[in-house]
């Protein structure tokens, strides 16, 4: 499992051109990526966007081990397979949108120290919104840890057995419910610990 400290280390110690680019420009680039995800409605455009992001990922010489972070959101995207009625075109659209968004976020976090990101955001957005983003950023890694534990539990209970589809579907639904409940519980504990340390609904960032 990727640790938050390791991702921070890569952002600080990296020497690529994207590491040297200012946080403000990289945030603008991320907004462009998100706009493309929302606007694009065809497989070619989304494939091109995802290909560009993959090229940037490898050009920045980020370790392959953090590439796995871009794949975790697919766990939630799998639900769209059942909603779509197994329409291949719709499934590919959803998967490409999810992968493009997650790859863009990993690129941003893997090449930019998070204090620089939130310093830049604090100049543009209301403080309450920036605080919510900061807590979300920290909560993602809590959720990843819970997801790892859920994967182990799913494996011990038989995992995915394609020759028993209903049993597999039941295991997945139980694991998904467990993931949500554990994630909420872990987030509440994090918030309570911050309140005990004097958190007043605002985080103060020191500029570089």
N, C-alpha and C. Protein backbone atom coordinates (compact mmCIF):
# COMPACT_ATOMS: atom_id res chain seq x y z
N UNK A 1 0.84 -1.19 0.00
CA UNK A 1 0.00 0.00 0.00
C UNK A 1 0.88 1.25 0.00
N UNK A 2 0.53 2.22 -0.88
CA UNK A 2 1.29 3.45 -0.97
C UNK A 2 1.02 4.31 0.26
N UNK A 3 2.09 4.75 0.91
CA UNK A 3 1.96 5.60 2.08
C UNK A 3 1.96 7.07 1.66
N UNK A 4 1.26 7.89 2.43
CA UNK A 4 1.19 9.32 2.15
C UNK A 4 2.58 9.94 2.20
N UNK A 5 3.40 9.51 3.15
CA UNK A 5 4.75 10.07 3.28
C UNK A 5 5.60 9.79 2.05
N UNK A 6 5.40 8.63 1.42
CA UNK A 6 6.17 8.29 0.22
C UNK A 6 5.78 9.18 -0.95
N UNK A 7 4.50 9.46 -1.10
CA UNK A 7 4.04 10.35 -2.16
C UNK A 7 4.57 11.77 -1.94
N UNK A 8 4.59 12.22 -0.69
CA UNK A 8 5.16 13.53 -0.37
C UNK A 8 6.66 13.56 -0.68
N UNK A 9 7.34 12.46 -0.40
CA UNK A 9 8.78 12.38 -0.68
C UNK A 9 9.06 12.52 -2.18
N UNK A 10 8.25 11.84 -3.01
CA UNK A 10 8.43 11.93 -4.46
C UNK A 10 8.19 13.35 -4.95
N UNK A 11 7.22 14.03 -4.38
CA UNK A 11 6.89 15.39 -4.81
C UNK A 11 8.04 16.35 -4.48
N UNK A 12 8.70 16.13 -3.36
CA UNK A 12 9.77 17.04 -2.93
C UNK A 12 11.09 16.73 -3.61
N UNK A 13 11.41 15.45 -3.78
CA UNK A 13 12.73 15.05 -4.27
C UNK A 13 12.81 14.91 -5.79
N UNK A 14 11.68 14.92 -6.49
CA UNK A 14 11.69 14.75 -7.94
C UNK A 14 12.39 15.90 -8.65
N UNK A 15 13.01 15.60 -9.80
CA UNK A 15 13.78 16.60 -10.54
C UNK A 15 13.28 16.81 -11.97
N UNK A 16 12.13 16.28 -12.32
CA UNK A 16 11.65 16.38 -13.70
C UNK A 16 11.14 17.79 -13.99
N UNK A 17 10.83 18.06 -15.27
CA UNK A 17 10.32 19.38 -15.66
C UNK A 17 8.99 19.68 -14.99
N UNK A 18 8.19 18.64 -14.76
CA UNK A 18 6.89 18.86 -14.12
C UNK A 18 7.06 19.17 -12.64
N UNK A 19 8.07 18.62 -12.01
CA UNK A 19 8.35 18.94 -10.61
C UNK A 19 8.75 20.41 -10.47
N UNK A 20 9.47 20.92 -11.48
CA UNK A 20 9.95 22.30 -11.41
C UNK A 20 8.88 23.33 -11.77
N UNK A 21 7.82 22.89 -12.41
CA UNK A 21 6.74 23.81 -12.79
C UNK A 21 6.01 24.28 -11.54
N UNK A 22 5.57 25.54 -11.53
CA UNK A 22 4.91 26.09 -10.35
C UNK A 22 3.58 25.39 -10.07
N UNK A 23 3.21 25.36 -8.80
CA UNK A 23 1.97 24.70 -8.40
C UNK A 23 0.76 25.33 -9.08
N UNK A 24 0.78 26.65 -9.26
CA UNK A 24 -0.35 27.32 -9.89
C UNK A 24 -0.61 26.83 -11.30
N UNK A 25 0.45 26.67 -12.10
CA UNK A 25 0.28 26.20 -13.47
C UNK A 25 -0.19 24.75 -13.50
N UNK A 26 0.28 23.95 -12.57
CA UNK A 26 -0.16 22.55 -12.54
C UNK A 26 -1.62 22.43 -12.12
N UNK A 27 -2.07 23.32 -11.26
CA UNK A 27 -3.49 23.33 -10.89
C UNK A 27 -4.34 23.74 -12.09
N UNK A 28 -3.86 24.72 -12.87
CA UNK A 28 -4.56 25.11 -14.09
C UNK A 28 -4.64 23.92 -15.05
N UNK A 29 -3.53 23.20 -15.18
CA UNK A 29 -3.53 22.01 -16.03
C UNK A 29 -4.52 20.96 -15.55
N UNK A 30 -4.62 20.79 -14.23
CA UNK A 30 -5.58 19.83 -13.69
C UNK A 30 -7.01 20.26 -14.00
N UNK A 31 -7.27 21.55 -13.95
CA UNK A 31 -8.60 22.05 -14.29
C UNK A 31 -8.92 21.80 -15.76
N UNK A 32 -7.92 21.91 -16.61
CA UNK A 32 -8.10 21.60 -18.04
C UNK A 32 -8.45 20.12 -18.22
N UNK A 33 -7.75 19.26 -17.48
CA UNK A 33 -8.03 17.83 -17.54
C UNK A 33 -9.46 17.54 -17.10
N UNK A 34 -9.87 18.13 -15.98
CA UNK A 34 -11.23 17.92 -15.48
C UNK A 34 -12.27 18.43 -16.47
N UNK A 35 -11.99 19.57 -17.10
CA UNK A 35 -12.90 20.10 -18.11
C UNK A 35 -13.03 19.14 -19.28
N UNK A 36 -11.89 18.57 -19.70
CA UNK A 36 -11.92 17.59 -20.79
C UNK A 36 -12.72 16.36 -20.42
N UNK A 37 -12.59 15.91 -19.17
CA UNK A 37 -13.35 14.74 -18.73
C UNK A 37 -14.85 15.01 -18.80
N UNK A 38 -15.25 16.21 -18.42
CA UNK A 38 -16.68 16.55 -18.42
C UNK A 38 -17.20 16.77 -19.84
N UNK A 39 -16.40 17.44 -20.68
CA UNK A 39 -16.87 17.84 -22.01
C UNK A 39 -16.83 16.70 -23.02
N UNK A 40 -15.72 15.93 -23.01
CA UNK A 40 -15.54 14.90 -24.04
C UNK A 40 -16.58 13.79 -23.90
N UNK A 41 -17.12 13.39 -25.05
CA UNK A 41 -18.17 12.36 -25.07
C UNK A 41 -17.83 11.22 -26.03
N UNK A 42 -16.60 11.18 -26.52
CA UNK A 42 -16.22 10.13 -27.48
C UNK A 42 -14.97 9.42 -26.99
N UNK A 43 -14.83 8.17 -27.41
CA UNK A 43 -13.72 7.34 -26.96
C UNK A 43 -12.38 7.85 -27.46
N UNK A 44 -12.34 8.40 -28.68
CA UNK A 44 -11.08 8.88 -29.23
C UNK A 44 -10.52 10.03 -28.39
N UNK A 45 -11.36 11.02 -28.09
CA UNK A 45 -10.92 12.17 -27.32
C UNK A 45 -10.45 11.78 -25.93
N UNK A 46 -11.20 10.90 -25.27
CA UNK A 46 -10.82 10.48 -23.92
C UNK A 46 -9.57 9.61 -23.95
N UNK A 47 -9.44 8.76 -24.99
CA UNK A 47 -8.23 7.94 -25.11
C UNK A 47 -7.01 8.82 -25.32
N UNK A 48 -7.16 9.88 -26.13
CA UNK A 48 -6.06 10.81 -26.37
C UNK A 48 -5.66 11.52 -25.07
N UNK A 49 -6.67 11.97 -24.31
CA UNK A 49 -6.40 12.64 -23.03
C UNK A 49 -5.68 11.70 -22.07
N UNK A 50 -6.16 10.48 -21.97
CA UNK A 50 -5.53 9.51 -21.08
C UNK A 50 -4.11 9.17 -21.54
N UNK A 51 -3.91 9.08 -22.86
CA UNK A 51 -2.58 8.81 -23.40
C UNK A 51 -1.59 9.92 -23.06
N UNK A 52 -2.05 11.17 -23.15
CA UNK A 52 -1.18 12.31 -22.80
C UNK A 52 -0.79 12.24 -21.33
N UNK A 53 -1.76 11.94 -20.47
CA UNK A 53 -1.47 11.86 -19.04
C UNK A 53 -0.51 10.71 -18.73
N UNK A 54 -0.68 9.58 -19.43
CA UNK A 54 0.26 8.47 -19.24
C UNK A 54 1.66 8.87 -19.68
N UNK A 55 1.74 9.58 -20.81
CA UNK A 55 3.04 10.04 -21.28
C UNK A 55 3.73 10.95 -20.27
N UNK A 56 2.96 11.86 -19.66
CA UNK A 56 3.52 12.74 -18.63
C UNK A 56 3.96 11.95 -17.41
N UNK A 57 3.18 10.93 -17.06
CA UNK A 57 3.53 10.10 -15.90
C UNK A 57 4.90 9.47 -16.08
N UNK A 58 5.13 8.88 -17.25
CA UNK A 58 6.42 8.21 -17.49
C UNK A 58 7.53 9.21 -17.75
N UNK A 59 7.20 10.37 -18.34
CA UNK A 59 8.21 11.39 -18.59
C UNK A 59 8.74 11.97 -17.28
N UNK A 60 7.90 11.99 -16.25
CA UNK A 60 8.32 12.51 -14.94
C UNK A 60 9.09 11.49 -14.12
N UNK A 61 9.21 10.28 -14.67
CA UNK A 61 9.98 9.21 -14.01
C UNK A 61 9.43 8.88 -12.62
N UNK A 62 8.13 8.92 -12.50
CA UNK A 62 7.51 8.50 -11.24
C UNK A 62 7.55 6.98 -11.15
N UNK A 63 7.76 6.43 -9.95
CA UNK A 63 7.82 4.96 -9.79
C UNK A 63 6.52 4.29 -10.22
N UNK A 64 6.66 3.13 -10.82
CA UNK A 64 5.47 2.40 -11.28
C UNK A 64 4.57 2.00 -10.11
N UNK A 65 5.15 1.87 -8.93
CA UNK A 65 4.35 1.41 -7.79
C UNK A 65 3.24 2.40 -7.44
N UNK A 66 3.42 3.71 -7.73
CA UNK A 66 2.35 4.65 -7.42
C UNK A 66 1.31 4.70 -8.53
N UNK A 67 1.60 4.04 -9.67
CA UNK A 67 0.61 3.99 -10.74
C UNK A 67 -0.64 3.24 -10.28
N UNK A 68 -0.46 2.34 -9.32
CA UNK A 68 -1.61 1.59 -8.81
C UNK A 68 -2.67 2.51 -8.18
N UNK A 69 -2.23 3.70 -7.72
CA UNK A 69 -3.18 4.64 -7.14
C UNK A 69 -4.21 5.11 -8.16
N UNK A 70 -3.83 5.13 -9.43
CA UNK A 70 -4.77 5.58 -10.47
C UNK A 70 -5.85 4.54 -10.76
N UNK A 71 -5.64 3.32 -10.30
CA UNK A 71 -6.57 2.23 -10.62
C UNK A 71 -7.63 2.01 -9.55
N UNK A 72 -7.39 2.49 -8.33
CA UNK A 72 -8.34 2.23 -7.25
C UNK A 72 -9.75 2.76 -7.52
N UNK A 73 -9.91 3.96 -8.13
CA UNK A 73 -11.28 4.43 -8.39
C UNK A 73 -12.10 3.52 -9.29
N UNK A 74 -11.44 2.62 -10.02
CA UNK A 74 -12.18 1.68 -10.86
C UNK A 74 -13.07 0.76 -10.04
N UNK A 75 -12.73 0.59 -8.75
CA UNK A 75 -13.56 -0.24 -7.88
C UNK A 75 -14.98 0.31 -7.84
N UNK A 76 -15.10 1.64 -7.77
CA UNK A 76 -16.42 2.27 -7.74
C UNK A 76 -17.03 2.34 -9.14
N UNK A 77 -16.17 2.48 -10.16
CA UNK A 77 -16.66 2.56 -11.53
C UNK A 77 -17.28 1.24 -11.98
N UNK A 78 -16.87 0.14 -11.36
CA UNK A 78 -17.42 -1.17 -11.73
C UNK A 78 -18.93 -1.19 -11.56
N UNK A 79 -19.45 -0.40 -10.63
CA UNK A 79 -20.90 -0.36 -10.41
C UNK A 79 -21.64 0.08 -11.67
N UNK A 80 -20.99 0.92 -12.50
CA UNK A 80 -21.63 1.39 -13.72
C UNK A 80 -21.81 0.27 -14.73
N UNK A 81 -21.06 -0.82 -14.60
CA UNK A 81 -21.24 -1.95 -15.50
C UNK A 81 -22.66 -2.49 -15.37
N UNK A 82 -23.14 -2.59 -14.14
CA UNK A 82 -24.49 -3.13 -13.91
C UNK A 82 -25.56 -2.10 -14.25
N UNK A 83 -25.26 -0.80 -13.99
CA UNK A 83 -26.23 0.26 -14.30
C UNK A 83 -26.43 0.39 -15.80
N UNK A 84 -25.34 0.23 -16.57
CA UNK A 84 -25.41 0.45 -18.01
C UNK A 84 -26.04 -0.71 -18.77
N UNK A 85 -26.27 -1.81 -18.08
CA UNK A 85 -26.79 -2.97 -18.80
C UNK A 85 -25.73 -3.60 -19.68
N UNK A 86 -24.46 -3.49 -19.27
CA UNK A 86 -23.33 -4.09 -19.97
C UNK A 86 -23.15 -3.55 -21.39
N UNK A 87 -23.38 -2.24 -21.56
CA UNK A 87 -23.11 -1.58 -22.83
C UNK A 87 -21.63 -1.21 -22.88
N UNK A 88 -20.90 -1.84 -23.79
CA UNK A 88 -19.44 -1.71 -23.84
C UNK A 88 -19.01 -0.26 -24.05
N UNK A 89 -19.67 0.46 -24.95
CA UNK A 89 -19.29 1.84 -25.24
C UNK A 89 -19.39 2.71 -23.99
N UNK A 90 -20.49 2.58 -23.26
CA UNK A 90 -20.70 3.37 -22.04
C UNK A 90 -19.68 2.99 -20.97
N UNK A 91 -19.40 1.71 -20.83
CA UNK A 91 -18.44 1.24 -19.83
C UNK A 91 -17.05 1.81 -20.11
N UNK A 92 -16.63 1.77 -21.38
CA UNK A 92 -15.31 2.30 -21.74
C UNK A 92 -15.24 3.81 -21.49
N UNK A 93 -16.33 4.52 -21.79
CA UNK A 93 -16.37 5.97 -21.52
C UNK A 93 -16.16 6.26 -20.04
N UNK A 94 -16.88 5.54 -19.20
CA UNK A 94 -16.78 5.75 -17.75
C UNK A 94 -15.38 5.42 -17.26
N UNK A 95 -14.84 4.30 -17.71
CA UNK A 95 -13.51 3.88 -17.26
C UNK A 95 -12.44 4.87 -17.69
N UNK A 96 -12.52 5.37 -18.93
CA UNK A 96 -11.53 6.34 -19.40
C UNK A 96 -11.64 7.66 -18.64
N UNK A 97 -12.86 8.08 -18.33
CA UNK A 97 -13.04 9.31 -17.56
C UNK A 97 -12.44 9.14 -16.16
N UNK A 98 -12.72 8.00 -15.52
CA UNK A 98 -12.21 7.75 -14.17
C UNK A 98 -10.68 7.67 -14.18
N UNK A 99 -10.12 6.95 -15.15
CA UNK A 99 -8.67 6.79 -15.22
C UNK A 99 -7.98 8.12 -15.53
N UNK A 100 -8.58 8.93 -16.40
CA UNK A 100 -7.99 10.23 -16.72
C UNK A 100 -7.96 11.13 -15.49
N UNK A 101 -9.08 11.16 -14.75
CA UNK A 101 -9.14 11.98 -13.55
C UNK A 101 -8.17 11.52 -12.49
N UNK A 102 -8.12 10.23 -12.23
CA UNK A 102 -7.23 9.72 -11.18
C UNK A 102 -5.76 9.87 -11.56
N UNK A 103 -5.43 9.68 -12.84
CA UNK A 103 -4.05 9.84 -13.28
C UNK A 103 -3.61 11.31 -13.17
N UNK A 104 -4.51 12.22 -13.51
CA UNK A 104 -4.20 13.65 -13.37
C UNK A 104 -3.95 14.03 -11.92
N UNK A 105 -4.76 13.51 -11.02
CA UNK A 105 -4.60 13.81 -9.59
C UNK A 105 -3.28 13.24 -9.06
N UNK A 106 -2.96 12.00 -9.44
CA UNK A 106 -1.70 11.38 -8.98
C UNK A 106 -0.50 12.15 -9.53
N UNK A 107 -0.59 12.61 -10.78
CA UNK A 107 0.48 13.42 -11.35
C UNK A 107 0.68 14.71 -10.55
N UNK A 108 -0.43 15.35 -10.21
CA UNK A 108 -0.35 16.60 -9.45
C UNK A 108 0.26 16.37 -8.08
N UNK A 109 -0.22 15.34 -7.37
CA UNK A 109 0.26 15.08 -6.02
C UNK A 109 1.68 14.50 -6.01
N UNK A 110 2.04 13.76 -7.06
CA UNK A 110 3.36 13.15 -7.11
C UNK A 110 4.46 14.08 -7.56
N UNK A 111 4.09 15.26 -8.08
CA UNK A 111 5.10 16.21 -8.56
C UNK A 111 5.03 17.55 -7.84
N UNK A 112 4.10 17.70 -6.91
CA UNK A 112 3.93 18.98 -6.21
C UNK A 112 3.76 18.74 -4.71
N UNK A 113 4.62 19.31 -3.87
CA UNK A 113 4.42 19.18 -2.41
C UNK A 113 3.04 19.72 -2.03
N UNK A 114 2.31 18.96 -1.22
CA UNK A 114 0.94 19.36 -0.94
C UNK A 114 0.81 20.72 -0.26
N UNK A 115 1.79 21.19 0.56
CA UNK A 115 1.64 22.57 1.08
C UNK A 115 1.59 23.60 -0.05
N UNK A 116 2.38 23.39 -1.12
CA UNK A 116 2.36 24.32 -2.25
C UNK A 116 1.01 24.34 -2.94
N UNK A 117 0.38 23.16 -3.03
CA UNK A 117 -0.93 23.08 -3.66
C UNK A 117 -1.96 23.87 -2.88
N UNK A 118 -1.97 23.68 -1.56
CA UNK A 118 -2.99 24.34 -0.75
C UNK A 118 -2.70 25.82 -0.53
N UNK A 119 -1.43 26.21 -0.60
CA UNK A 119 -1.10 27.64 -0.57
C UNK A 119 -1.68 28.32 -1.80
N UNK A 120 -1.51 27.69 -2.97
CA UNK A 120 -2.04 28.26 -4.21
C UNK A 120 -3.57 28.30 -4.19
N UNK A 121 -4.19 27.23 -3.70
CA UNK A 121 -5.65 27.18 -3.66
C UNK A 121 -6.22 28.19 -2.67
N UNK A 122 -5.49 28.42 -1.57
CA UNK A 122 -5.98 29.33 -0.54
C UNK A 122 -6.07 30.77 -1.04
N UNK A 123 -5.30 31.07 -2.11
CA UNK A 123 -5.34 32.41 -2.69
C UNK A 123 -6.53 32.60 -3.64
N UNK A 124 -7.12 31.49 -4.06
CA UNK A 124 -8.17 31.55 -5.08
C UNK A 124 -9.54 31.18 -4.57
N UNK A 125 -9.59 30.33 -3.55
CA UNK A 125 -10.87 29.76 -3.10
C UNK A 125 -11.15 30.14 -1.65
N UNK A 126 -12.43 30.08 -1.26
CA UNK A 126 -12.78 30.31 0.15
C UNK A 126 -12.07 29.32 1.07
N UNK A 127 -11.68 29.78 2.24
CA UNK A 127 -10.89 28.94 3.15
C UNK A 127 -11.62 27.65 3.54
N UNK A 128 -12.96 27.74 3.70
CA UNK A 128 -13.71 26.55 4.10
C UNK A 128 -13.65 25.48 3.02
N UNK A 129 -13.62 25.91 1.75
CA UNK A 129 -13.54 24.97 0.64
C UNK A 129 -12.16 24.33 0.57
N UNK A 130 -11.11 25.14 0.80
CA UNK A 130 -9.75 24.62 0.79
C UNK A 130 -9.55 23.64 1.94
N UNK A 131 -10.12 23.95 3.09
CA UNK A 131 -10.02 23.03 4.24
C UNK A 131 -10.70 21.70 3.93
N UNK A 132 -11.86 21.76 3.26
CA UNK A 132 -12.56 20.54 2.88
C UNK A 132 -11.72 19.71 1.92
N UNK A 133 -11.04 20.36 0.97
CA UNK A 133 -10.16 19.65 0.04
C UNK A 133 -8.99 19.00 0.76
N UNK A 134 -8.43 19.73 1.74
CA UNK A 134 -7.30 19.19 2.50
C UNK A 134 -7.72 17.93 3.27
N UNK A 135 -8.87 17.99 3.92
CA UNK A 135 -9.35 16.84 4.68
C UNK A 135 -9.68 15.67 3.74
N UNK A 136 -10.20 15.99 2.55
CA UNK A 136 -10.47 14.95 1.56
C UNK A 136 -9.18 14.27 1.13
N UNK A 137 -8.13 15.08 0.91
CA UNK A 137 -6.82 14.56 0.51
C UNK A 137 -6.30 13.58 1.56
N UNK A 138 -6.39 13.97 2.82
CA UNK A 138 -5.92 13.08 3.88
C UNK A 138 -6.82 11.83 4.00
N UNK A 139 -8.11 12.01 3.77
CA UNK A 139 -9.05 10.90 3.93
C UNK A 139 -8.87 9.85 2.84
N UNK A 140 -8.38 10.26 1.66
CA UNK A 140 -8.17 9.31 0.57
C UNK A 140 -7.24 8.19 1.00
N UNK A 141 -6.18 8.53 1.73
CA UNK A 141 -5.21 7.52 2.13
C UNK A 141 -5.75 6.65 3.26
N UNK A 142 -6.64 7.22 4.06
CA UNK A 142 -7.32 6.40 5.06
C UNK A 142 -8.20 5.38 4.35
N UNK A 143 -8.91 5.84 3.31
CA UNK A 143 -9.81 4.96 2.55
C UNK A 143 -9.02 3.87 1.83
N UNK A 144 -7.84 4.22 1.32
CA UNK A 144 -7.01 3.21 0.65
C UNK A 144 -6.58 2.11 1.62
N UNK A 145 -6.27 2.49 2.86
CA UNK A 145 -5.90 1.50 3.86
C UNK A 145 -7.09 0.59 4.17
N UNK A 146 -8.27 1.18 4.28
CA UNK A 146 -9.47 0.38 4.53
C UNK A 146 -9.74 -0.54 3.34
N UNK A 147 -9.50 -0.04 2.12
CA UNK A 147 -9.71 -0.85 0.93
C UNK A 147 -8.79 -2.05 0.91
N UNK A 148 -7.55 -1.86 1.34
CA UNK A 148 -6.60 -2.97 1.40
C UNK A 148 -7.10 -4.04 2.38
N UNK A 149 -7.60 -3.61 3.54
CA UNK A 149 -8.13 -4.56 4.52
C UNK A 149 -9.36 -5.27 3.97
N UNK A 150 -10.19 -4.55 3.24
CA UNK A 150 -11.40 -5.14 2.66
C UNK A 150 -11.04 -6.17 1.59
N UNK A 151 -9.99 -5.90 0.81
CA UNK A 151 -9.54 -6.86 -0.20
C UNK A 151 -9.09 -8.16 0.46
N UNK A 152 -8.38 -8.05 1.58
CA UNK A 152 -7.94 -9.25 2.30
C UNK A 152 -9.15 -10.03 2.82
N UNK A 153 -10.12 -9.30 3.37
CA UNK A 153 -11.32 -9.96 3.90
C UNK A 153 -12.09 -10.65 2.77
N UNK A 154 -12.17 -9.99 1.60
CA UNK A 154 -12.87 -10.56 0.46
C UNK A 154 -12.17 -11.83 -0.01
N UNK A 155 -10.85 -11.81 -0.02
CA UNK A 155 -10.08 -12.98 -0.44
C UNK A 155 -10.32 -14.16 0.51
N UNK A 156 -10.36 -13.88 1.82
CA UNK A 156 -10.56 -14.94 2.80
C UNK A 156 -11.96 -15.54 2.73
N UNK A 157 -12.90 -14.77 2.17
CA UNK A 157 -14.28 -15.26 2.05
C UNK A 157 -14.59 -15.82 0.66
N UNK A 158 -13.56 -16.14 -0.07
CA UNK A 158 -13.78 -16.77 -1.37
C UNK A 158 -13.48 -15.89 -2.55
N UNK A 159 -13.44 -14.57 -2.33
CA UNK A 159 -13.12 -13.64 -3.40
C UNK A 159 -14.09 -13.71 -4.56
N UNK A 160 -13.58 -13.48 -5.76
CA UNK A 160 -14.40 -13.52 -6.97
C UNK A 160 -14.26 -14.89 -7.62
N UNK A 161 -15.37 -15.58 -7.75
CA UNK A 161 -15.39 -16.89 -8.38
C UNK A 161 -16.33 -16.82 -9.58
N UNK A 162 -15.74 -16.80 -10.77
CA UNK A 162 -16.56 -16.59 -11.97
C UNK A 162 -17.49 -17.77 -12.23
N UNK A 163 -17.20 -18.92 -11.67
CA UNK A 163 -18.12 -20.06 -11.84
C UNK A 163 -19.27 -20.00 -10.84
N UNK A 164 -19.22 -19.05 -9.90
CA UNK A 164 -20.33 -18.82 -8.96
C UNK A 164 -20.64 -17.31 -8.95
N UNK A 165 -21.26 -16.80 -10.02
CA UNK A 165 -21.47 -15.34 -10.15
C UNK A 165 -22.30 -14.73 -9.04
N UNK A 166 -23.35 -15.44 -8.57
CA UNK A 166 -24.20 -14.85 -7.54
C UNK A 166 -23.46 -14.76 -6.21
N UNK A 167 -22.65 -15.77 -5.92
CA UNK A 167 -21.84 -15.73 -4.69
C UNK A 167 -20.82 -14.59 -4.77
N UNK A 168 -20.21 -14.42 -5.94
CA UNK A 168 -19.24 -13.34 -6.11
C UNK A 168 -19.91 -11.98 -5.97
N UNK A 169 -21.10 -11.84 -6.56
CA UNK A 169 -21.82 -10.57 -6.46
C UNK A 169 -22.19 -10.27 -5.02
N UNK A 170 -22.56 -11.29 -4.27
CA UNK A 170 -22.88 -11.11 -2.85
C UNK A 170 -21.64 -10.70 -2.07
N UNK A 171 -20.49 -11.30 -2.38
CA UNK A 171 -19.24 -10.92 -1.71
C UNK A 171 -18.86 -9.48 -2.01
N UNK A 172 -19.04 -9.07 -3.27
CA UNK A 172 -18.70 -7.71 -3.66
C UNK A 172 -19.60 -6.70 -2.95
N UNK A 173 -20.90 -6.98 -2.89
CA UNK A 173 -21.83 -6.05 -2.24
C UNK A 173 -21.53 -5.93 -0.75
N UNK A 174 -21.20 -7.05 -0.10
CA UNK A 174 -20.83 -7.00 1.32
C UNK A 174 -19.54 -6.22 1.54
N UNK A 175 -18.57 -6.44 0.65
CA UNK A 175 -17.29 -5.73 0.76
C UNK A 175 -17.48 -4.23 0.55
N UNK A 176 -18.33 -3.87 -0.41
CA UNK A 176 -18.58 -2.46 -0.69
C UNK A 176 -19.24 -1.77 0.50
N UNK A 177 -20.23 -2.43 1.11
CA UNK A 177 -20.87 -1.87 2.30
C UNK A 177 -19.90 -1.74 3.46
N UNK A 178 -19.07 -2.76 3.64
CA UNK A 178 -18.04 -2.71 4.70
C UNK A 178 -17.07 -1.56 4.46
N UNK A 179 -16.69 -1.36 3.19
CA UNK A 179 -15.75 -0.29 2.84
C UNK A 179 -16.32 1.07 3.20
N UNK A 180 -17.58 1.30 2.88
CA UNK A 180 -18.21 2.59 3.16
C UNK A 180 -18.28 2.85 4.67
N UNK A 181 -18.74 1.84 5.41
CA UNK A 181 -18.90 2.00 6.86
C UNK A 181 -17.55 2.24 7.54
N UNK A 182 -16.53 1.46 7.17
CA UNK A 182 -15.20 1.63 7.77
C UNK A 182 -14.60 2.97 7.38
N UNK A 183 -14.84 3.40 6.14
CA UNK A 183 -14.32 4.69 5.69
C UNK A 183 -14.92 5.85 6.47
N UNK A 184 -16.23 5.79 6.68
CA UNK A 184 -16.90 6.85 7.46
C UNK A 184 -16.39 6.86 8.89
N UNK A 185 -16.25 5.68 9.47
CA UNK A 185 -15.76 5.59 10.85
C UNK A 185 -14.34 6.14 10.98
N UNK A 186 -13.46 5.79 10.03
CA UNK A 186 -12.08 6.28 10.08
C UNK A 186 -12.02 7.80 9.90
N UNK A 187 -12.86 8.34 9.02
CA UNK A 187 -12.89 9.78 8.79
C UNK A 187 -13.36 10.52 10.04
N UNK A 188 -14.36 9.98 10.72
CA UNK A 188 -14.86 10.60 11.94
C UNK A 188 -13.79 10.60 13.03
N UNK A 189 -13.03 9.52 13.13
CA UNK A 189 -11.96 9.47 14.12
C UNK A 189 -10.87 10.50 13.81
N UNK A 190 -10.56 10.68 12.52
CA UNK A 190 -9.57 11.67 12.15
C UNK A 190 -10.05 13.07 12.51
N UNK A 191 -11.32 13.36 12.24
CA UNK A 191 -11.85 14.69 12.56
C UNK A 191 -11.86 14.93 14.07
N UNK A 192 -12.25 13.91 14.83
CA UNK A 192 -12.28 14.05 16.29
C UNK A 192 -10.88 14.30 16.85
N UNK A 193 -9.86 13.62 16.30
CA UNK A 193 -8.49 13.82 16.77
C UNK A 193 -8.02 15.23 16.44
N UNK A 194 -8.44 15.78 15.29
CA UNK A 194 -8.06 17.15 14.93
C UNK A 194 -8.73 18.16 15.86
N UNK A 195 -9.98 17.91 16.22
CA UNK A 195 -10.69 18.81 17.13
C UNK A 195 -10.02 18.82 18.50
N UNK A 196 -9.56 17.66 18.96
CA UNK A 196 -8.88 17.58 20.25
C UNK A 196 -7.55 18.34 20.24
N UNK A 197 -6.99 18.52 19.04
CA UNK A 197 -5.72 19.24 18.91
C UNK A 197 -5.91 20.72 18.58
N UNK A 198 -7.17 21.19 18.69
CA UNK A 198 -7.42 22.62 18.53
C UNK A 198 -7.87 23.07 17.16
N UNK A 199 -8.30 22.15 16.29
CA UNK A 199 -8.76 22.52 14.96
C UNK A 199 -10.01 23.39 15.05
N UNK A 200 -10.01 24.54 14.34
CA UNK A 200 -11.13 25.50 14.38
C UNK A 200 -11.73 25.73 13.00
N UNK A 201 -11.86 24.65 12.22
CA UNK A 201 -12.48 24.71 10.90
C UNK A 201 -11.69 25.57 9.90
N UNK A 202 -10.42 25.79 10.17
CA UNK A 202 -9.56 26.51 9.23
C UNK A 202 -8.13 26.07 9.44
N UNK A 203 -7.45 25.83 8.31
CA UNK A 203 -6.05 25.43 8.34
C UNK A 203 -5.23 26.59 7.81
N UNK A 204 -4.18 26.97 8.53
CA UNK A 204 -3.34 28.07 8.11
C UNK A 204 -2.11 27.53 7.40
N UNK A 205 -1.89 28.02 6.19
CA UNK A 205 -0.78 27.55 5.38
C UNK A 205 0.30 28.60 5.34
N UNK A 206 1.54 28.16 5.47
CA UNK A 206 2.67 29.08 5.41
C UNK A 206 3.23 29.06 3.99
N UNK A 207 3.30 30.22 3.38
CA UNK A 207 3.81 30.30 2.01
C UNK A 207 5.28 29.98 1.94
N UNK A 208 5.71 29.61 0.73
CA UNK A 208 7.10 29.25 0.54
C UNK A 208 7.98 30.50 0.66
